[in-house]
Amino acid sequence: MSETKKMRLSHILLSWDQALRSTHSRELIYAIDEAKQIIASLQRGGYSWETACKENSACDTYINSGDLGWFEEHEITQELWIAGLVTPIGELNPEPVTSPYGVHIIYRTG
């Protein structure tokens, strides 16, 4: 089995009241619930990744469809790295991922 040295992810960031650089006053549980609703909408179809990013992301990467670019393990939070490892390339992670920066919806692009 080859070891992943680099990966590429796109994300939608939902902020909550105690996240680093928070942009919202909602509690964590509400951010997670909203992330689950967005994931379900994306899985059903009829809601594009680009639209979901523009309408929901608290991260300015929404202008590039949430693209975080290529990175190595030490260049991103452990929570996102681990989520990326278990998400096949070209797929949406079916669960929200919580990091110190907020709740992420992850789409692995490389």
Protein backbone atom coordinates (compact mmCIF):
# COMPACT_ATOMS: atom_id res chain seq x y z
CA MET A 1 0.00 0.00 0.00
CA SER A 2 1.43 3.36 -1.00
CA GLU A 3 1.50 6.17 1.53
CA THR A 4 -0.33 9.38 0.62
CA LYS A 5 2.15 12.26 0.61
CA LYS A 6 -0.06 14.96 -0.92
CA MET A 7 -3.76 15.41 -1.46
CA ARG A 8 -6.17 18.04 -2.65
CA LEU A 9 -9.46 18.94 -1.01
CA SER A 10 -12.27 21.39 -1.45
CA HIS A 11 -14.40 22.33 1.52
CA ILE A 12 -17.36 24.27 2.75
CA LEU A 13 -16.68 25.81 6.16
CA LEU A 14 -19.51 26.36 8.62
CA SER A 15 -18.38 28.52 11.50
CA TRP A 16 -19.64 28.28 15.08
CA ASP A 17 -19.34 30.51 18.13
CA GLN A 18 -16.13 29.06 19.60
CA ALA A 19 -14.27 28.26 16.38
CA LEU A 20 -11.01 30.03 15.60
CA ARG A 21 -11.77 33.16 13.55
CA SER A 22 -15.49 32.57 14.14
CA THR A 23 -17.97 34.38 11.92
CA HIS A 24 -21.14 33.03 13.57
CA SER A 25 -22.77 33.01 16.98
CA ARG A 26 -24.41 29.57 16.62
CA GLU A 27 -23.42 26.61 18.77
CA LEU A 28 -21.44 23.69 17.38
CA ILE A 29 -24.43 21.33 17.32
CA TYR A 30 -26.29 23.69 14.94
CA ALA A 31 -23.31 23.98 12.58
CA ILE A 32 -23.03 20.17 12.46
CA ASP A 33 -26.76 19.83 11.80
CA GLU A 34 -26.59 22.37 8.97
CA ALA A 35 -23.57 20.56 7.49
CA LYS A 36 -25.50 17.27 7.51
CA GLN A 37 -28.41 18.94 5.71
CA ILE A 38 -26.10 20.38 3.05
CA ILE A 39 -24.41 16.99 2.57
CA ALA A 40 -27.81 15.32 2.14
CA SER A 41 -28.82 17.95 -0.44
CA LEU A 42 -25.58 17.43 -2.36
CA GLN A 43 -26.02 13.65 -2.30
CA ARG A 44 -29.60 13.92 -3.61
CA GLY A 45 -28.40 16.03 -6.53
CA GLY A 46 -29.89 19.17 -7.95
CA TYR A 47 -27.60 21.26 -5.71
CA SER A 48 -24.15 21.87 -7.15
CA TRP A 49 -20.96 21.95 -5.12
CA GLU A 50 -20.22 25.45 -6.45
CA THR A 51 -23.62 26.78 -5.37
CA ALA A 52 -23.32 25.13 -1.95
CA CYS A 53 -19.91 26.78 -1.45
CA LYS A 54 -21.13 30.24 -2.43
CA GLU A 55 -24.28 30.02 -0.32
CA ASN A 56 -22.84 28.44 2.82
CA SER A 57 -19.07 28.69 3.28
CA ALA A 58 -17.56 31.03 5.86
CA CYS A 59 -14.17 30.59 4.13
CA ASP A 60 -13.13 32.88 1.30
CA THR A 61 -12.14 29.80 -0.73
CA TYR A 62 -15.80 29.68 -1.80
CA ILE A 63 -14.85 31.87 -4.76
CA ASN A 64 -12.76 28.94 -6.06
CA SER A 65 -15.35 26.25 -5.23
CA GLY A 66 -13.78 25.73 -1.80
CA ASP A 67 -10.43 24.58 -3.24
CA LEU A 68 -7.74 24.25 -0.58
CA GLY A 69 -5.12 23.26 -3.17
CA TRP A 70 -2.49 20.54 -2.89
CA PHE A 71 -0.96 20.03 0.55
CA GLU A 72 1.03 17.63 2.68
CA GLU A 73 -0.02 16.32 6.08
CA HIS A 74 1.85 18.99 8.09
CA GLU A 75 0.22 21.81 6.08
CA ILE A 76 -3.37 21.23 7.21
CA THR A 77 -5.26 20.28 10.37
CA GLN A 78 -5.14 16.61 11.34
CA GLU A 79 -8.94 16.44 11.18
CA LEU A 80 -8.97 17.45 7.51
CA TRP A 81 -6.00 15.24 6.62
CA ILE A 82 -7.64 12.16 8.16
CA ALA A 83 -10.98 12.95 6.52
CA GLY A 84 -9.21 13.26 3.18
CA LEU A 85 -7.47 9.91 3.63
CA VAL A 86 -10.78 8.08 4.01
CA THR A 87 -12.52 9.97 1.20
CA PRO A 88 -11.99 8.55 -2.30
CA ILE A 89 -10.80 11.01 -4.94
CA GLY A 90 -13.78 12.59 -6.68
CA GLU A 91 -16.16 11.94 -3.80
CA LEU A 92 -17.88 13.82 -1.02
CA ASN A 93 -17.15 12.74 2.55
CA PRO A 94 -20.57 11.68 3.92
CA GLU A 95 -19.95 13.15 7.38
CA PRO A 96 -19.14 16.67 8.58
CA VAL A 97 -15.60 17.11 9.91
CA THR A 98 -15.00 19.34 12.94
CA SER A 99 -11.70 21.17 13.32
CA PRO A 100 -10.65 24.15 15.45
CA TYR A 101 -11.76 26.38 12.55
CA GLY A 102 -15.31 25.08 12.27
CA VAL A 103 -17.33 22.31 10.65
CA HIS A 104 -16.20 21.27 7.20
CA ILE A 105 -17.93 19.53 4.33
CA ILE A 106 -15.14 17.79 2.44
CA TYR A 107 -14.87 16.93 -1.25
CA ARG A 108 -11.62 15.20 -2.25
CA THR A 109 -10.33 16.34 -5.60
CA GLY A 110 -6.88 14.81 -5.73
